[in-house]
């Protein structure tokens, strides 16, 4: 049994479409060896890298954040247990910041539901610098004169 996987093998084993694997490779997240015929071959350890990419995406990280984490590994190797602990700890801080931002957004949204301000003079959720607030409530930019 070869230690290298075809792109089809990697797709089946990882549950990731071949097009996504090619995209990950074009982004520098994965690397492959090429046969004389130009076909991609992946080390078996690539399965773990794909799992890390998918885990990062599942928690809302950008591919750039995932690449930075993978690039921090010595010689670009596949993460081991200690690496994963370090990577996930860093991701946890990022996730905690995002959760805080989402909670603040949620709390502002809850305060706006049903207010009907549309000019957003009170909540400032979508337009904190509302320049037409002095004109009173309503969707001023949407007011269209009727031809009746």
C-alpha atoms as a PDB file:
ATOM      1  CA  UNK A   1       0.000   0.000   0.000  1.00  0.00           C
ATOM      2  CA  UNK A   2       1.387   3.382  -1.004  1.00  0.00           C
ATOM      3  CA  UNK A   3       1.949   6.084   1.587  1.00  0.00           C
ATOM      4  CA  UNK A   4       0.553   8.568  -0.920  1.00  0.00           C
ATOM      5  CA  UNK A   5      -3.115   9.275  -1.574  1.00  0.00           C
ATOM      6  CA  UNK A   6      -4.687  10.319  -4.841  1.00  0.00           C
ATOM      7  CA  UNK A   7      -6.924  13.375  -4.715  1.00  0.00           C
ATOM      8  CA  UNK A   8      -9.924  11.033  -4.994  1.00  0.00           C
ATOM      9  CA  UNK A   9      -8.684   8.970  -2.042  1.00  0.00           C
ATOM     10  CA  UNK A  10      -8.126  12.107   0.008  1.00  0.00           C
ATOM     11  CA  UNK A  11     -11.599  13.380  -0.890  1.00  0.00           C
ATOM     12  CA  UNK A  12     -13.261  10.093   0.120  1.00  0.00           C
ATOM     13  CA  UNK A  13     -11.311   9.775   3.358  1.00  0.00           C
ATOM     14  CA  UNK A  14     -11.741  13.413   4.404  1.00  0.00           C
ATOM     15  CA  UNK A  15     -15.273  14.001   3.139  1.00  0.00           C
ATOM     16  CA  UNK A  16     -14.076  17.093   1.260  1.00  0.00           C
ATOM     17  CA  UNK A  17     -14.770  17.596  -2.442  1.00  0.00           C
ATOM     18  CA  UNK A  18     -11.829  17.372  -4.817  1.00  0.00           C
ATOM     19  CA  UNK A  19     -12.527  20.937  -5.947  1.00  0.00           C
ATOM     20  CA  UNK A  20     -12.161  22.130  -2.339  1.00  0.00           C
ATOM     21  CA  UNK A  21      -8.899  20.211  -1.965  1.00  0.00           C
ATOM     22  CA  UNK A  22      -7.529  21.853  -5.101  1.00  0.00           C
ATOM     23  CA  UNK A  23      -8.669  25.223  -3.750  1.00  0.00           C
ATOM     24  CA  UNK A  24      -6.990  24.572  -0.372  1.00  0.00           C
ATOM     25  CA  UNK A  25      -3.813  23.710  -2.254  1.00  0.00           C
ATOM     26  CA  UNK A  26      -4.027  26.905  -4.327  1.00  0.00           C
ATOM     27  CA  UNK A  27      -4.349  28.838  -1.038  1.00  0.00           C
ATOM     28  CA  UNK A  28      -1.222  27.185   0.359  1.00  0.00           C
ATOM     29  CA  UNK A  29      -3.084  25.140   2.968  1.00  0.00           C
ATOM     30  CA  UNK A  30      -2.104  21.795   1.436  1.00  0.00           C
ATOM     31  CA  UNK A  31       0.721  20.582  -0.719  1.00  0.00           C
ATOM     32  CA  UNK A  32       0.973  17.640  -3.054  1.00  0.00           C
ATOM     33  CA  UNK A  33       3.562  15.731  -4.977  1.00  0.00           C
ATOM     34  CA  UNK A  34       3.124  15.364  -8.722  1.00  0.00           C
ATOM     35  CA  UNK A  35       3.528  12.186 -10.674  1.00  0.00           C
ATOM     36  CA  UNK A  36       5.304  12.200 -14.027  1.00  0.00           C
ATOM     37  CA  UNK A  37       1.848  12.517 -15.552  1.00  0.00           C
ATOM     38  CA  UNK A  38       1.074  15.584 -13.398  1.00  0.00           C
ATOM     39  CA  UNK A  39      -1.395  13.878 -11.062  1.00  0.00           C
ATOM     40  CA  UNK A  40      -1.555  15.033  -7.458  1.00  0.00           C
ATOM     41  CA  UNK A  41      -0.427  12.710  -4.677  1.00  0.00           C
ATOM     42  CA  UNK A  42      -0.818  13.609  -1.015  1.00  0.00           C
ATOM     43  CA  UNK A  43       0.983  12.306   2.051  1.00  0.00           C
ATOM     44  CA  UNK A  44      -1.359  10.437   4.406  1.00  0.00           C
ATOM     45  CA  UNK A  45      -0.661  13.101   7.029  1.00  0.00           C
ATOM     46  CA  UNK A  46      -2.588  15.513   4.792  1.00  0.00           C
ATOM     47  CA  UNK A  47      -5.760  13.939   6.190  1.00  0.00           C
ATOM     48  CA  UNK A  48      -4.970  15.571   9.534  1.00  0.00           C
ATOM     49  CA  UNK A  49      -4.283  18.928   7.889  1.00  0.00           C
ATOM     50  CA  UNK A  50      -7.649  18.730   6.138  1.00  0.00           C
ATOM     51  CA  UNK A  51      -9.277  17.935   9.497  1.00  0.00           C
ATOM     52  CA  UNK A  52      -7.640  21.035  11.022  1.00  0.00           C
ATOM     53  CA  UNK A  53      -8.837  23.170   8.103  1.00  0.00           C
ATOM     54  CA  UNK A  54     -12.371  21.844   8.492  1.00  0.00           C
ATOM     55  CA  UNK A  55     -12.312  22.364  12.268  1.00  0.00           C
ATOM     56  CA  UNK A  56     -11.188  25.953  11.767  1.00  0.00           C
ATOM     57  CA  UNK A  57     -13.916  26.589   9.235  1.00  0.00           C
ATOM     58  CA  UNK A  58     -16.524  24.973  11.491  1.00  0.00           C
ATOM     59  CA  UNK A  59     -15.787  27.500  14.230  1.00  0.00           C
ATOM     60  CA  UNK A  60     -15.859  30.425  11.812  1.00  0.00           C
ATOM     61  CA  UNK A  61     -12.182  31.061  11.156  1.00  0.00           C
ATOM     62  CA  UNK A  62     -11.118  32.419   7.811  1.00  0.00           C
ATOM     63  CA  UNK A  63      -8.860  30.336   5.623  1.00  0.00           C
ATOM     64  CA  UNK A  64      -6.193  33.006   6.154  1.00  0.00           C
ATOM     65  CA  UNK A  65      -6.376  32.402   9.935  1.00  0.00           C
ATOM     66  CA  UNK A  66      -6.146  28.652   9.390  1.00  0.00           C
ATOM     67  CA  UNK A  67      -3.192  29.083   7.028  1.00  0.00           C
ATOM     68  CA  UNK A  68      -1.388  31.293   9.559  1.00  0.00           C
ATOM     69  CA  UNK A  69      -1.871  28.604  12.183  1.00  0.00           C
ATOM     70  CA  UNK A  70      -0.617  25.835   9.897  1.00  0.00           C
ATOM     71  CA  UNK A  71       2.290  28.002   8.773  1.00  0.00           C
ATOM     72  CA  UNK A  72       3.331  28.365  12.423  1.00  0.00           C
ATOM     73  CA  UNK A  73       4.100  24.649  12.584  1.00  0.00           C
ATOM     74  CA  UNK A  74       7.741  23.639  12.293  1.00  0.00           C
ATOM     75  CA  UNK A  75       8.544  22.812   8.676  1.00  0.00           C
ATOM     76  CA  UNK A  76       4.851  23.043   7.816  1.00  0.00           C
ATOM     77  CA  UNK A  77       4.291  19.566   9.269  1.00  0.00           C
ATOM     78  CA  UNK A  78       0.970  18.132  10.340  1.00  0.00           C
ATOM     79  CA  UNK A  79      -0.041  19.198  13.856  1.00  0.00           C
ATOM     80  CA  UNK A  80       0.573  16.814  16.727  1.00  0.00           C
ATOM     81  CA  UNK A  81      -1.235  16.861  20.092  1.00  0.00           C
ATOM     82  CA  UNK A  82       0.891  19.685  21.513  1.00  0.00           C
ATOM     83  CA  UNK A  83       0.533  21.727  18.330  1.00  0.00           C
ATOM     84  CA  UNK A  84      -3.229  21.268  18.378  1.00  0.00           C
ATOM     85  CA  UNK A  85      -3.414  22.439  21.999  1.00  0.00           C
ATOM     86  CA  UNK A  86      -1.493  25.598  21.073  1.00  0.00           C
ATOM     87  CA  UNK A  87      -3.485  26.248  17.900  1.00  0.00           C
ATOM     88  CA  UNK A  88      -6.861  25.657  19.526  1.00  0.00           C
ATOM     89  CA  UNK A  89      -5.913  27.907  22.442  1.00  0.00           C
ATOM     90  CA  UNK A  90      -5.169  30.747  20.033  1.00  0.00           C
ATOM     91  CA  UNK A  91      -8.363  30.092  18.133  1.00  0.00           C
ATOM     92  CA  UNK A  92     -10.280  30.077  21.416  1.00  0.00           C
ATOM     93  CA  UNK A  93      -9.175  33.664  22.131  1.00  0.00           C
ATOM     94  CA  UNK A  94     -10.321  34.709  18.666  1.00  0.00           C
ATOM     95  CA  UNK A  95     -13.633  32.906  19.123  1.00  0.00           C
ATOM     96  CA  UNK A  96     -14.173  34.506  22.532  1.00  0.00           C
ATOM     97  CA  UNK A  97     -13.740  37.953  20.935  1.00  0.00           C
ATOM     98  CA  UNK A  98     -16.222  37.064  18.190  1.00  0.00           C
ATOM     99  CA  UNK A  99     -18.713  35.673  20.687  1.00  0.00           C
ATOM    100  CA  UNK A 100     -18.486  38.948  22.612  1.00  0.00           C
ATOM    101  CA  UNK A 101     -19.123  40.917  19.424  1.00  0.00           C
ATOM    102  CA  UNK A 102     -22.099  38.716  18.550  1.00  0.00           C
ATOM    103  CA  UNK A 103     -23.532  39.057  22.056  1.00  0.00           C
ATOM    104  CA  UNK A 104     -23.274  42.853  21.834  1.00  0.00           C
ATOM    105  CA  UNK A 105     -24.966  42.771  18.438  1.00  0.00           C
ATOM    106  CA  UNK A 106     -27.693  40.474  19.777  1.00  0.00           C
ATOM    107  CA  UNK A 107     -28.324  42.752  22.746  1.00  0.00           C
ATOM    108  CA  UNK A 108     -28.603  45.824  20.518  1.00  0.00           C
ATOM    109  CA  UNK A 109     -30.901  43.949  18.154  1.00  0.00           C
ATOM    110  CA  UNK A 110     -33.191  42.872  20.987  1.00  0.00           C
ATOM    111  CA  UNK A 111     -33.534  46.504  22.049  1.00  0.00           C
ATOM    112  CA  UNK A 112     -34.558  47.549  18.547  1.00  0.00           C
ATOM    113  CA  UNK A 113     -37.187  44.942  17.787  1.00  0.00           C
ATOM    114  CA  UNK A 114     -40.541  46.636  17.371  1.00  0.00           C
ATOM    115  CA  UNK A 115     -39.285  50.177  17.888  1.00  0.00           C
ATOM    116  CA  UNK A 116     -40.133  51.120  14.319  1.00  0.00           C
ATOM    117  CA  UNK A 117     -37.561  53.915  14.284  1.00  0.00           C
ATOM    118  CA  UNK A 118     -36.279  53.083  10.782  1.00  0.00           C
ATOM    119  CA  UNK A 119     -34.104  56.184  10.949  1.00  0.00           C
ATOM    120  CA  UNK A 120     -32.255  54.435  13.768  1.00  0.00           C
ATOM    121  CA  UNK A 121     -32.067  57.518  16.000  1.00  0.00           C
ATOM    122  CA  UNK A 122     -32.176  55.424  19.149  1.00  0.00           C
ATOM    123  CA  UNK A 123     -30.430  52.107  18.590  1.00  0.00           C
ATOM    124  CA  UNK A 124     -27.766  53.012  16.075  1.00  0.00           C
ATOM    125  CA  UNK A 125     -27.503  49.330  15.208  1.00  0.00           C
ATOM    126  CA  UNK A 126     -27.089  49.685  11.482  1.00  0.00           C
ATOM    127  CA  UNK A 127     -26.460  53.392  11.050  1.00  0.00           C
ATOM    128  CA  UNK A 128     -24.986  54.923  14.206  1.00  0.00           C
ATOM    129  CA  UNK A 129     -24.237  58.201  12.450  1.00  0.00           C
ATOM    130  CA  UNK A 130     -27.734  58.653  11.024  1.00  0.00           C
ATOM    131  CA  UNK A 131     -27.643  61.981   9.178  1.00  0.00           C
ATOM    132  CA  UNK A 132     -31.412  62.294   8.606  1.00  0.00           C
ATOM    133  CA  UNK A 133     -32.429  61.741  12.233  1.00  0.00           C
ATOM    134  CA  UNK A 134     -33.347  65.414  12.566  1.00  0.00           C
ATOM    135  CA  UNK A 135     -36.041  64.917   9.942  1.00  0.00           C
ATOM    136  CA  UNK A 136     -37.958  62.629  12.288  1.00  0.00           C
ATOM    137  CA  UNK A 137     -38.796  58.942  12.234  1.00  0.00           C
ATOM    138  CA  UNK A 138     -39.297  57.019   9.059  1.00  0.00           C
ATOM    139  CA  UNK A 139     -37.421  55.698   6.080  1.00  0.00           C
ATOM    140  CA  UNK A 140     -36.679  59.053   4.470  1.00  0.00           C
ATOM    141  CA  UNK A 141     -34.534  57.649   1.688  1.00  0.00           C
ATOM    142  CA  UNK A 142     -37.364  55.339   0.721  1.00  0.00           C
ATOM    143  CA  UNK A 143     -40.048  58.050   0.547  1.00  0.00           C
ATOM    144  CA  UNK A 144     -41.069  58.221  -3.099  1.00  0.00           C
ATOM    145  CA  UNK A 145     -43.539  60.859  -4.209  1.00  0.00           C
ATOM    146  CA  UNK A 146     -46.672  59.389  -5.677  1.00  0.00           C
ATOM    147  CA  UNK A 147     -48.062  60.689  -8.952  1.00  0.00           C
ATOM    148  CA  UNK A 148     -51.698  60.625  -7.829  1.00  0.00           C
END
